[in-house]
C-alpha atoms as a PDB file:
ATOM      1  CA  UNK A   1     -28.835  11.040   3.022  1.00  0.00           C
ATOM      2  CA  UNK A   2     -27.375  11.421  -0.470  1.00  0.00           C
ATOM      3  CA  UNK A   3     -24.728   9.124  -1.987  1.00  0.00           C
ATOM      4  CA  UNK A   4     -22.949  10.598  -4.998  1.00  0.00           C
ATOM      5  CA  UNK A   5     -19.618  11.095  -6.738  1.00  0.00           C
ATOM      6  CA  UNK A   6     -17.265  13.369  -4.838  1.00  0.00           C
ATOM      7  CA  UNK A   7     -16.836  16.907  -6.144  1.00  0.00           C
ATOM      8  CA  UNK A   8     -13.805  19.219  -5.758  1.00  0.00           C
ATOM      9  CA  UNK A   9     -15.610  21.256  -3.114  1.00  0.00           C
ATOM     10  CA  UNK A  10     -16.012  18.136  -0.943  1.00  0.00           C
ATOM     11  CA  UNK A  11     -12.286  17.812  -0.245  1.00  0.00           C
ATOM     12  CA  UNK A  12     -12.116  19.835   3.024  1.00  0.00           C
ATOM     13  CA  UNK A  13     -15.030  17.838   4.416  1.00  0.00           C
ATOM     14  CA  UNK A  14     -13.481  14.536   3.288  1.00  0.00           C
ATOM     15  CA  UNK A  15     -10.174  15.338   4.994  1.00  0.00           C
ATOM     16  CA  UNK A  16     -11.906  16.382   8.218  1.00  0.00           C
ATOM     17  CA  UNK A  17     -13.928  13.171   8.124  1.00  0.00           C
ATOM     18  CA  UNK A  18     -10.803  11.030   7.641  1.00  0.00           C
ATOM     19  CA  UNK A  19      -9.067  12.778  10.536  1.00  0.00           C
ATOM     20  CA  UNK A  20     -12.083  12.326  12.803  1.00  0.00           C
ATOM     21  CA  UNK A  21     -12.645   8.668  11.912  1.00  0.00           C
ATOM     22  CA  UNK A  22      -9.127   7.358  11.252  1.00  0.00           C
ATOM     23  CA  UNK A  23      -6.717   9.835  12.826  1.00  0.00           C
ATOM     24  CA  UNK A  24      -3.239  10.690  11.584  1.00  0.00           C
ATOM     25  CA  UNK A  25       0.327   9.446  12.040  1.00  0.00           C
ATOM     26  CA  UNK A  26       3.682  11.205  11.533  1.00  0.00           C
ATOM     27  CA  UNK A  27       3.877   9.598   8.075  1.00  0.00           C
ATOM     28  CA  UNK A  28       0.211   9.945   7.189  1.00  0.00           C
ATOM     29  CA  UNK A  29      -0.862  13.561   7.402  1.00  0.00           C
ATOM     30  CA  UNK A  30      -4.239  13.838   5.737  1.00  0.00           C
ATOM     31  CA  UNK A  31      -3.339  16.877   3.698  1.00  0.00           C
ATOM     32  CA  UNK A  32      -4.599  18.115   0.319  1.00  0.00           C
ATOM     33  CA  UNK A  33      -1.161  17.268  -1.120  1.00  0.00           C
ATOM     34  CA  UNK A  34      -1.409  13.637  -0.039  1.00  0.00           C
ATOM     35  CA  UNK A  35      -4.968  13.352  -1.381  1.00  0.00           C
ATOM     36  CA  UNK A  36      -3.920  14.892  -4.701  1.00  0.00           C
ATOM     37  CA  UNK A  37      -0.898  12.584  -5.004  1.00  0.00           C
ATOM     38  CA  UNK A  38      -2.985   9.521  -4.252  1.00  0.00           C
ATOM     39  CA  UNK A  39      -6.218  10.256  -6.089  1.00  0.00           C
ATOM     40  CA  UNK A  40      -5.330  12.675  -8.913  1.00  0.00           C
ATOM     41  CA  UNK A  41      -1.631  12.201  -9.799  1.00  0.00           C
ATOM     42  CA  UNK A  42      -1.715   8.389  -9.773  1.00  0.00           C
ATOM     43  CA  UNK A  43      -0.241   7.198 -13.115  1.00  0.00           C
ATOM     44  CA  UNK A  44      -3.039   4.633 -13.436  1.00  0.00           C
ATOM     45  CA  UNK A  45      -5.613   7.437 -13.483  1.00  0.00           C
ATOM     46  CA  UNK A  46      -7.902   9.374 -11.124  1.00  0.00           C
ATOM     47  CA  UNK A  47      -9.700   7.576  -8.332  1.00  0.00           C
ATOM     48  CA  UNK A  48     -13.360   6.690  -8.094  1.00  0.00           C
ATOM     49  CA  UNK A  49     -14.547   8.533  -4.970  1.00  0.00           C
ATOM     50  CA  UNK A  50     -18.080   8.406  -3.561  1.00  0.00           C
ATOM     51  CA  UNK A  51     -19.370  10.356  -0.564  1.00  0.00           C
ATOM     52  CA  UNK A  52     -22.388  10.199   1.701  1.00  0.00           C
ATOM     53  CA  UNK A  53     -23.779  13.636   2.513  1.00  0.00           C
ATOM     54  CA  UNK A  54     -26.158  14.416   5.349  1.00  0.00           C
ATOM     55  CA  UNK A  55     -26.965  17.616   7.213  1.00  0.00           C
ATOM     56  CA  UNK A  56     -24.974  19.511   4.560  1.00  0.00           C
ATOM     57  CA  UNK A  57     -21.677  17.768   5.355  1.00  0.00           C
ATOM     58  CA  UNK A  58     -19.709  14.740   4.279  1.00  0.00           C
ATOM     59  CA  UNK A  59     -20.401  11.904   6.713  1.00  0.00           C
ATOM     60  CA  UNK A  60     -19.004   8.995   4.701  1.00  0.00           C
ATOM     61  CA  UNK A  61     -16.363   8.460   2.030  1.00  0.00           C
ATOM     62  CA  UNK A  62     -15.410   5.489  -0.159  1.00  0.00           C
ATOM     63  CA  UNK A  63     -12.295   6.042  -2.280  1.00  0.00           C
ATOM     64  CA  UNK A  64     -11.068   3.493  -4.836  1.00  0.00           C
ATOM     65  CA  UNK A  65      -7.681   4.135  -6.442  1.00  0.00           C
ATOM     66  CA  UNK A  66      -7.241   3.089 -10.055  1.00  0.00           C
ATOM     67  CA  UNK A  67      -4.650   0.345 -10.324  1.00  0.00           C
ATOM     68  CA  UNK A  68      -3.357  -2.155 -12.826  1.00  0.00           C
ATOM     69  CA  UNK A  69      -2.167  -5.735 -12.491  1.00  0.00           C
ATOM     70  CA  UNK A  70      -0.423  -7.781 -15.158  1.00  0.00           C
ATOM     71  CA  UNK A  71      -0.218 -11.570 -15.220  1.00  0.00           C
ATOM     72  CA  UNK A  72       2.404 -14.044 -16.497  1.00  0.00           C
ATOM     73  CA  UNK A  73       0.596 -14.407 -19.826  1.00  0.00           C
ATOM     74  CA  UNK A  74       0.519 -10.648 -20.335  1.00  0.00           C
ATOM     75  CA  UNK A  75      -3.150 -10.250 -19.427  1.00  0.00           C
ATOM     76  CA  UNK A  76      -3.850  -6.886 -17.817  1.00  0.00           C
ATOM     77  CA  UNK A  77      -6.529  -6.268 -15.237  1.00  0.00           C
ATOM     78  CA  UNK A  78      -8.131  -2.863 -14.782  1.00  0.00           C
ATOM     79  CA  UNK A  79      -8.361  -2.700 -11.019  1.00  0.00           C
ATOM     80  CA  UNK A  80      -9.419  -0.503  -8.169  1.00  0.00           C
ATOM     81  CA  UNK A  81      -7.677  -0.505  -4.813  1.00  0.00           C
ATOM     82  CA  UNK A  82      -9.952   0.300  -1.872  1.00  0.00           C
ATOM     83  CA  UNK A  83      -8.441   2.960   0.416  1.00  0.00           C
ATOM     84  CA  UNK A  84      -9.615   5.927   2.503  1.00  0.00           C
ATOM     85  CA  UNK A  85     -12.918   4.479   3.676  1.00  0.00           C
ATOM     86  CA  UNK A  86     -14.533   6.135   6.661  1.00  0.00           C
ATOM     87  CA  UNK A  87     -17.823   6.945   8.366  1.00  0.00           C
ATOM     88  CA  UNK A  88     -18.101   9.894  10.721  1.00  0.00           C
ATOM     89  CA  UNK A  89     -18.255   8.695  14.370  1.00  0.00           C
ATOM     90  CA  UNK A  90     -21.597  10.480  14.800  1.00  0.00           C
ATOM     91  CA  UNK A  91     -23.153   8.540  11.899  1.00  0.00           C
ATOM     92  CA  UNK A  92     -22.121   4.941  12.551  1.00  0.00           C
ATOM     93  CA  UNK A  93     -24.603   2.035  12.408  1.00  0.00           C
ATOM     94  CA  UNK A  94     -26.617   3.652   9.650  1.00  0.00           C
ATOM     95  CA  UNK A  95     -25.470   1.446   6.793  1.00  0.00           C
ATOM     96  CA  UNK A  96     -23.206   4.098   5.265  1.00  0.00           C
ATOM     97  CA  UNK A  97     -20.252   1.728   4.708  1.00  0.00           C
ATOM     98  CA  UNK A  98     -22.414  -0.891   2.992  1.00  0.00           C
ATOM     99  CA  UNK A  99     -24.374   1.599   0.893  1.00  0.00           C
ATOM    100  CA  UNK A 100     -21.228   3.376  -0.299  1.00  0.00           C
ATOM    101  CA  UNK A 101     -19.512   0.087  -1.082  1.00  0.00           C
ATOM    102  CA  UNK A 102     -22.510  -1.319  -2.967  1.00  0.00           C
ATOM    103  CA  UNK A 103     -22.753   1.862  -5.027  1.00  0.00           C
ATOM    104  CA  UNK A 104     -19.006   1.811  -5.725  1.00  0.00           C
ATOM    105  CA  UNK A 105     -19.112  -1.813  -6.921  1.00  0.00           C
ATOM    106  CA  UNK A 106     -22.013  -1.086  -9.259  1.00  0.00           C
ATOM    107  CA  UNK A 107     -20.278   1.956 -10.702  1.00  0.00           C
ATOM    108  CA  UNK A 108     -16.951   0.142 -11.057  1.00  0.00           C
ATOM    109  CA  UNK A 109     -18.613  -2.688 -12.978  1.00  0.00           C
ATOM    110  CA  UNK A 110     -20.411  -0.202 -15.237  1.00  0.00           C
ATOM    111  CA  UNK A 111     -17.073   1.494 -15.978  1.00  0.00           C
ATOM    112  CA  UNK A 112     -15.530  -1.819 -17.078  1.00  0.00           C
ATOM    113  CA  UNK A 113     -13.169  -2.551 -14.191  1.00  0.00           C
ATOM    114  CA  UNK A 114     -12.173  -6.171 -13.614  1.00  0.00           C
ATOM    115  CA  UNK A 115     -11.261  -6.334  -9.934  1.00  0.00           C
ATOM    116  CA  UNK A 116     -11.222  -4.493  -6.603  1.00  0.00           C
ATOM    117  CA  UNK A 117      -8.640  -5.466  -3.987  1.00  0.00           C
ATOM    118  CA  UNK A 118      -7.586  -4.213  -0.570  1.00  0.00           C
ATOM    119  CA  UNK A 119      -6.265  -5.149   2.875  1.00  0.00           C
ATOM    120  CA  UNK A 120      -9.097  -4.436   5.349  1.00  0.00           C
ATOM    121  CA  UNK A 121      -8.612  -4.333   9.085  1.00  0.00           C
ATOM    122  CA  UNK A 122     -10.134  -6.917  11.417  1.00  0.00           C
ATOM    123  CA  UNK A 123     -13.192  -4.752  12.053  1.00  0.00           C
ATOM    124  CA  UNK A 124     -14.189  -4.229   8.417  1.00  0.00           C
ATOM    125  CA  UNK A 125     -13.007  -7.581   7.045  1.00  0.00           C
ATOM    126  CA  UNK A 126     -16.208  -9.561   7.745  1.00  0.00           C
ATOM    127  CA  UNK A 127     -18.263  -6.814   6.106  1.00  0.00           C
ATOM    128  CA  UNK A 128     -16.288  -7.128   2.882  1.00  0.00           C
ATOM    129  CA  UNK A 129     -16.663 -10.908   2.812  1.00  0.00           C
ATOM    130  CA  UNK A 130     -20.436 -10.581   3.269  1.00  0.00           C
ATOM    131  CA  UNK A 131     -20.520  -8.328   0.159  1.00  0.00           C
ATOM    132  CA  UNK A 132     -18.768 -10.755  -2.165  1.00  0.00           C
ATOM    133  CA  UNK A 133     -15.080 -10.148  -1.491  1.00  0.00           C
ATOM    134  CA  UNK A 134     -12.929 -13.291  -1.643  1.00  0.00           C
ATOM    135  CA  UNK A 135     -10.070 -14.015   0.779  1.00  0.00           C
ATOM    136  CA  UNK A 136      -6.730 -14.195  -1.044  1.00  0.00           C
ATOM    137  CA  UNK A 137      -4.428 -14.879   1.885  1.00  0.00           C
ATOM    138  CA  UNK A 138      -2.655 -13.686   4.979  1.00  0.00           C
ATOM    139  CA  UNK A 139       0.454 -11.581   4.591  1.00  0.00           C
ATOM    140  CA  UNK A 140       3.263 -12.064   7.088  1.00  0.00           C
ATOM    141  CA  UNK A 141       6.567 -10.310   7.629  1.00  0.00           C
ATOM    142  CA  UNK A 142      10.257 -10.925   6.990  1.00  0.00           C
ATOM    143  CA  UNK A 143      12.521  -9.267   9.537  1.00  0.00           C
ATOM    144  CA  UNK A 144      16.138  -8.929  10.560  1.00  0.00           C
ATOM    145  CA  UNK A 145      16.810  -7.290  13.953  1.00  0.00           C
ATOM    146  CA  UNK A 146      19.810  -5.101  14.578  1.00  0.00           C
ATOM    147  CA  UNK A 147      21.492  -6.766  17.521  1.00  0.00           C
ATOM    148  CA  UNK A 148      24.304  -4.248  18.039  1.00  0.00           C
ATOM    149  CA  UNK A 149      23.676  -0.559  18.575  1.00  0.00           C
ATOM    150  CA  UNK A 150      19.956  -1.069  18.267  1.00  0.00           C
ATOM    151  CA  UNK A 151      18.945   1.969  20.270  1.00  0.00           C
ATOM    152  CA  UNK A 152      18.247   5.145  18.386  1.00  0.00           C
ATOM    153  CA  UNK A 153      18.741   8.585  19.941  1.00  0.00           C
ATOM    154  CA  UNK A 154      15.826  10.958  20.073  1.00  0.00           C
ATOM    155  CA  UNK A 155      12.123  10.335  20.103  1.00  0.00           C
ATOM    156  CA  UNK A 156      10.735  11.689  16.822  1.00  0.00           C
ATOM    157  CA  UNK A 157      10.500   9.970  13.472  1.00  0.00           C
ATOM    158  CA  UNK A 158      13.981  10.162  11.998  1.00  0.00           C
ATOM    159  CA  UNK A 159      14.783  10.948   8.420  1.00  0.00           C
ATOM    160  CA  UNK A 160      15.929   8.082   6.236  1.00  0.00           C
ATOM    161  CA  UNK A 161      19.485   9.437   6.192  1.00  0.00           C
ATOM    162  CA  UNK A 162      19.565   9.335  10.007  1.00  0.00           C
ATOM    163  CA  UNK A 163      18.883   5.627   9.853  1.00  0.00           C
ATOM    164  CA  UNK A 164      21.129   4.944   6.869  1.00  0.00           C
ATOM    165  CA  UNK A 165      23.826   7.578   6.309  1.00  0.00           C
ATOM    166  CA  UNK A 166      24.761   6.457   2.792  1.00  0.00           C
ATOM    167  CA  UNK A 167      21.261   6.196   1.328  1.00  0.00           C
ATOM    168  CA  UNK A 168      20.620   8.051  -1.930  1.00  0.00           C
ATOM    169  CA  UNK A 169      17.406   9.767  -3.011  1.00  0.00           C
ATOM    170  CA  UNK A 170      15.186   7.484  -5.030  1.00  0.00           C
ATOM    171  CA  UNK A 171      15.599   7.613  -8.793  1.00  0.00           C
ATOM    172  CA  UNK A 172      13.749   5.267 -11.149  1.00  0.00           C
ATOM    173  CA  UNK A 173      15.436   1.903 -11.669  1.00  0.00           C
ATOM    174  CA  UNK A 174      15.273  -0.381 -14.679  1.00  0.00           C
ATOM    175  CA  UNK A 175      12.013  -1.677 -16.078  1.00  0.00           C
ATOM    176  CA  UNK A 176      10.376  -4.438 -14.095  1.00  0.00           C
ATOM    177  CA  UNK A 177      11.003  -8.162 -14.478  1.00  0.00           C
ATOM    178  CA  UNK A 178       8.320 -10.442 -15.984  1.00  0.00           C
ATOM    179  CA  UNK A 179       5.532 -11.184 -13.484  1.00  0.00           C
ATOM    180  CA  UNK A 180       5.148 -14.572 -11.796  1.00  0.00           C
ATOM    181  CA  UNK A 181       1.541 -13.832 -10.831  1.00  0.00           C
ATOM    182  CA  UNK A 182      -0.721 -10.811 -10.632  1.00  0.00           C
ATOM    183  CA  UNK A 183       1.770  -7.960 -10.274  1.00  0.00           C
ATOM    184  CA  UNK A 184       1.811  -4.175 -10.314  1.00  0.00           C
ATOM    185  CA  UNK A 185       3.814  -3.169 -13.415  1.00  0.00           C
ATOM    186  CA  UNK A 186       6.762  -1.209 -12.055  1.00  0.00           C
ATOM    187  CA  UNK A 187       7.178   1.174 -14.939  1.00  0.00           C
ATOM    188  CA  UNK A 188       9.465   4.187 -14.673  1.00  0.00           C
ATOM    189  CA  UNK A 189       6.387   6.413 -14.312  1.00  0.00           C
ATOM    190  CA  UNK A 190       5.067   4.221 -11.489  1.00  0.00           C
ATOM    191  CA  UNK A 191       8.418   4.173  -9.657  1.00  0.00           C
ATOM    192  CA  UNK A 192       8.753   7.933  -9.907  1.00  0.00           C
ATOM    193  CA  UNK A 193       5.226   8.506  -8.577  1.00  0.00           C
ATOM    194  CA  UNK A 194       5.275   5.780  -5.926  1.00  0.00           C
ATOM    195  CA  UNK A 195       8.644   6.491  -4.316  1.00  0.00           C
ATOM    196  CA  UNK A 196       9.998   9.859  -5.430  1.00  0.00           C
ATOM    197  CA  UNK A 197       6.883  12.038  -5.405  1.00  0.00           C
ATOM    198  CA  UNK A 198       5.174  10.851  -2.203  1.00  0.00           C
ATOM    199  CA  UNK A 199       4.404  14.058  -0.258  1.00  0.00           C
ATOM    200  CA  UNK A 200       4.734  12.707   3.298  1.00  0.00           C
ATOM    201  CA  UNK A 201       6.803   9.504   3.349  1.00  0.00           C
ATOM    202  CA  UNK A 202      10.462   9.785   2.385  1.00  0.00           C
ATOM    203  CA  UNK A 203      11.941   6.838   0.528  1.00  0.00           C
ATOM    204  CA  UNK A 204      15.585   6.135  -0.195  1.00  0.00           C
ATOM    205  CA  UNK A 205      17.480   3.544  -2.192  1.00  0.00           C
ATOM    206  CA  UNK A 206      20.663   1.523  -1.987  1.00  0.00           C
ATOM    207  CA  UNK A 207      22.150   0.055  -5.158  1.00  0.00           C
ATOM    208  CA  UNK A 208      24.568  -2.854  -5.482  1.00  0.00           C
ATOM    209  CA  UNK A 209      25.243  -5.256  -8.395  1.00  0.00           C
ATOM    210  CA  UNK A 210      22.444  -3.855 -10.605  1.00  0.00           C
ATOM    211  CA  UNK A 211      20.018  -4.400  -7.706  1.00  0.00           C
ATOM    212  CA  UNK A 212      18.078  -1.616  -6.015  1.00  0.00           C
ATOM    213  CA  UNK A 213      16.565  -1.811  -2.530  1.00  0.00           C
ATOM    214  CA  UNK A 214      13.904   0.774  -1.699  1.00  0.00           C
ATOM    215  CA  UNK A 215      13.647   1.634   2.006  1.00  0.00           C
ATOM    216  CA  UNK A 216      11.470   3.822   4.207  1.00  0.00           C
ATOM    217  CA  UNK A 217      11.887   4.964   7.803  1.00  0.00           C
ATOM    218  CA  UNK A 218       8.984   4.224  10.120  1.00  0.00           C
ATOM    219  CA  UNK A 219       7.910   4.020  13.751  1.00  0.00           C
ATOM    220  CA  UNK A 220       6.050   0.950  14.990  1.00  0.00           C
ATOM    221  CA  UNK A 221       4.833   0.936  18.583  1.00  0.00           C
ATOM    222  CA  UNK A 222       7.339   3.699  19.303  1.00  0.00           C
ATOM    223  CA  UNK A 223      10.270   1.718  17.922  1.00  0.00           C
ATOM    224  CA  UNK A 224      12.213   2.886  14.875  1.00  0.00           C
ATOM    225  CA  UNK A 225      12.179   0.440  11.998  1.00  0.00           C
ATOM    226  CA  UNK A 226      13.399   0.510   8.438  1.00  0.00           C
ATOM    227  CA  UNK A 227      10.888  -0.883   5.940  1.00  0.00           C
ATOM    228  CA  UNK A 228      12.204  -2.765   2.922  1.00  0.00           C
ATOM    229  CA  UNK A 229       9.518  -1.576   0.513  1.00  0.00           C
ATOM    230  CA  UNK A 230      10.766  -3.142  -2.704  1.00  0.00           C
ATOM    231  CA  UNK A 231      13.638  -4.768  -4.585  1.00  0.00           C
ATOM    232  CA  UNK A 232      14.029  -3.690  -8.188  1.00  0.00           C
ATOM    233  CA  UNK A 233      16.295  -4.762 -11.010  1.00  0.00           C
ATOM    234  CA  UNK A 234      18.388  -7.846 -10.341  1.00  0.00           C
ATOM    235  CA  UNK A 235      17.165  -9.907  -7.342  1.00  0.00           C
ATOM    236  CA  UNK A 236      20.451  -9.787  -5.457  1.00  0.00           C
ATOM    237  CA  UNK A 237      20.891  -9.739  -1.656  1.00  0.00           C
ATOM    238  CA  UNK A 238      23.815  -7.283  -1.810  1.00  0.00           C
ATOM    239  CA  UNK A 239      21.872  -4.011  -1.279  1.00  0.00           C
ATOM    240  CA  UNK A 240      19.806  -5.590   1.513  1.00  0.00           C
ATOM    241  CA  UNK A 241      22.980  -6.776   3.223  1.00  0.00           C
ATOM    242  CA  UNK A 242      24.389  -3.266   2.928  1.00  0.00           C
ATOM    243  CA  UNK A 243      21.297  -1.866   4.607  1.00  0.00           C
ATOM    244  CA  UNK A 244      21.331  -4.535   7.321  1.00  0.00           C
ATOM    245  CA  UNK A 245      24.966  -3.753   8.178  1.00  0.00           C
ATOM    246  CA  UNK A 246      24.560  -0.005   8.411  1.00  0.00           C
ATOM    247  CA  UNK A 247      21.022   0.959   9.396  1.00  0.00           C
ATOM    248  CA  UNK A 248      20.425   2.335  12.876  1.00  0.00           C
ATOM    249  CA  UNK A 249      16.808   1.281  13.338  1.00  0.00           C
ATOM    250  CA  UNK A 250      15.795  -1.541  15.655  1.00  0.00           C
ATOM    251  CA  UNK A 251      15.145  -3.867  12.754  1.00  0.00           C
ATOM    252  CA  UNK A 252      14.702  -4.163   9.004  1.00  0.00           C
ATOM    253  CA  UNK A 253      11.332  -5.557   7.884  1.00  0.00           C
ATOM    254  CA  UNK A 254       9.529  -6.255   4.632  1.00  0.00           C
ATOM    255  CA  UNK A 255       7.555  -8.858   2.704  1.00  0.00           C
ATOM    256  CA  UNK A 256       7.616 -10.485  -0.723  1.00  0.00           C
ATOM    257  CA  UNK A 257       5.428 -13.205  -2.196  1.00  0.00           C
ATOM    258  CA  UNK A 258       6.519 -16.795  -1.502  1.00  0.00           C
ATOM    259  CA  UNK A 259       8.611 -18.187  -4.354  1.00  0.00           C
ATOM    260  CA  UNK A 260       9.581 -14.763  -5.691  1.00  0.00           C
ATOM    261  CA  UNK A 261      13.232 -13.950  -6.452  1.00  0.00           C
ATOM    262  CA  UNK A 262      12.957 -10.900  -4.171  1.00  0.00           C
ATOM    263  CA  UNK A 263      11.923 -13.084  -1.237  1.00  0.00           C
ATOM    264  CA  UNK A 264      14.855 -15.418  -1.841  1.00  0.00           C
ATOM    265  CA  UNK A 265      17.220 -12.429  -1.976  1.00  0.00           C
ATOM    266  CA  UNK A 266      15.821 -11.015   1.267  1.00  0.00           C
ATOM    267  CA  UNK A 267      16.215 -14.364   3.041  1.00  0.00           C
ATOM    268  CA  UNK A 268      19.775 -14.720   1.731  1.00  0.00           C
ATOM    269  CA  UNK A 269      20.437 -11.288   3.234  1.00  0.00           C
ATOM    270  CA  UNK A 270      19.389 -12.500   6.678  1.00  0.00           C
ATOM    271  CA  UNK A 271      15.684 -11.652   6.907  1.00  0.00           C
ATOM    272  CA  UNK A 272      13.643 -14.489   8.373  1.00  0.00           C
ATOM    273  CA  UNK A 273       9.884 -15.192   8.164  1.00  0.00           C
ATOM    274  CA  UNK A 274       8.105 -14.466  11.441  1.00  0.00           C
ATOM    275  CA  UNK A 275       5.026 -16.435  12.590  1.00  0.00           C
ATOM    276  CA  UNK A 276       2.744 -13.395  12.542  1.00  0.00           C
ATOM    277  CA  UNK A 277       0.043 -12.036  10.245  1.00  0.00           C
ATOM    278  CA  UNK A 278       0.184  -8.328   9.494  1.00  0.00           C
ATOM    279  CA  UNK A 279      -2.448  -7.969   6.746  1.00  0.00           C
ATOM    280  CA  UNK A 280      -5.162  -9.934   4.995  1.00  0.00           C
ATOM    281  CA  UNK A 281      -5.543  -9.473   1.264  1.00  0.00           C
ATOM    282  CA  UNK A 282      -9.070  -9.726  -0.149  1.00  0.00           C
ATOM    283  CA  UNK A 283     -10.392  -9.164  -3.656  1.00  0.00           C
ATOM    284  CA  UNK A 284     -13.732  -8.582  -5.342  1.00  0.00           C
ATOM    285  CA  UNK A 285     -13.914  -9.874  -8.934  1.00  0.00           C
ATOM    286  CA  UNK A 286     -16.202  -7.850 -11.182  1.00  0.00           C
ATOM    287  CA  UNK A 287     -16.219 -10.440 -13.992  1.00  0.00           C
ATOM    288  CA  UNK A 288     -17.864 -13.829 -13.704  1.00  0.00           C
ATOM    289  CA  UNK A 289     -14.893 -15.570 -15.373  1.00  0.00           C
ATOM    290  CA  UNK A 290     -12.210 -14.043 -13.114  1.00  0.00           C
ATOM    291  CA  UNK A 291     -10.746 -16.189 -10.347  1.00  0.00           C
ATOM    292  CA  UNK A 292      -8.675 -14.276  -7.794  1.00  0.00           C
ATOM    293  CA  UNK A 293      -7.003 -17.425  -6.426  1.00  0.00           C
ATOM    294  CA  UNK A 294      -4.759 -17.424  -3.378  1.00  0.00           C
ATOM    295  CA  UNK A 295      -1.425 -15.729  -2.683  1.00  0.00           C
ATOM    296  CA  UNK A 296       0.381 -18.211  -4.948  1.00  0.00           C
ATOM    297  CA  UNK A 297      -1.258 -16.428  -7.923  1.00  0.00           C
ATOM    298  CA  UNK A 298      -0.133 -12.967  -6.802  1.00  0.00           C
ATOM    299  CA  UNK A 299       3.341 -11.432  -7.144  1.00  0.00           C
ATOM    300  CA  UNK A 300       3.569  -8.753  -4.474  1.00  0.00           C
ATOM    301  CA  UNK A 301       6.002  -6.740  -2.375  1.00  0.00           C
ATOM    302  CA  UNK A 302       5.694  -4.522   0.684  1.00  0.00           C
ATOM    303  CA  UNK A 303       5.184  -1.505  -1.581  1.00  0.00           C
ATOM    304  CA  UNK A 304       1.997  -3.056  -2.992  1.00  0.00           C
ATOM    305  CA  UNK A 305       0.480  -3.443   0.466  1.00  0.00           C
ATOM    306  CA  UNK A 306       1.686  -0.419   2.433  1.00  0.00           C
ATOM    307  CA  UNK A 307      -0.882   2.188   3.355  1.00  0.00           C
ATOM    308  CA  UNK A 308      -0.351   4.854   0.732  1.00  0.00           C
END
């Protein structure tokens, strides 16, 4: 078995592997367009992608998206975000996940990256911790149900404008506020790429009082939901209240770091914290002097944690 950097000709095999190992959803079609958007068009730079090749086919993939985090003091971290990791079902229990991850960490350190972070599932989480990843914290959910007219006609995944008739297409908002902890810098280029150019998920925005709420239609366990992906500009509850009054999904759900102005705005708009854990954030420092801390040192929103 050979472990090496991915080449352009590997893409069909990578996509077939991801479909076989991870499947697809209505919002996550594993298409060349989605791969290109995620791993080539990313404003932080092209991804680091390693593959395991055996019997003349791709049997394992480990993709790390380039990312950037900025702290309250202005320090910037060159990061990688672990996504699109899979082993072909016919090649499990052969150490492919560990070997790919070990090789990726070594290469990332050699390239001068500071940190890798991700939100692994329950199955892969222990494996990450055994390879030096540090637990950052458990991410919950803020939600506001729609109590009147909650049912939604039809069975397919609706467009955003079917959930929220007065939603506008996403256009970049103002530059981001200063970070309270490690935060993705929400530059105009990032906003345009993250929300406007996504090839499969359709985002929309509602603006009120110099505040912008970014929303996305979704299905969860067959139930339509509207995801509050981000709040940009002024941290004001007005656009969230507008969404909560008019959306036709079963509920509105999102998450923002404790103590953040966006979390306070969401709670003022009627979203309440639920006693559930949806994701676990872990991080792998690549510098001896870097402490990842817990969630109190991170400044995150739903858009930072959604599967891209």
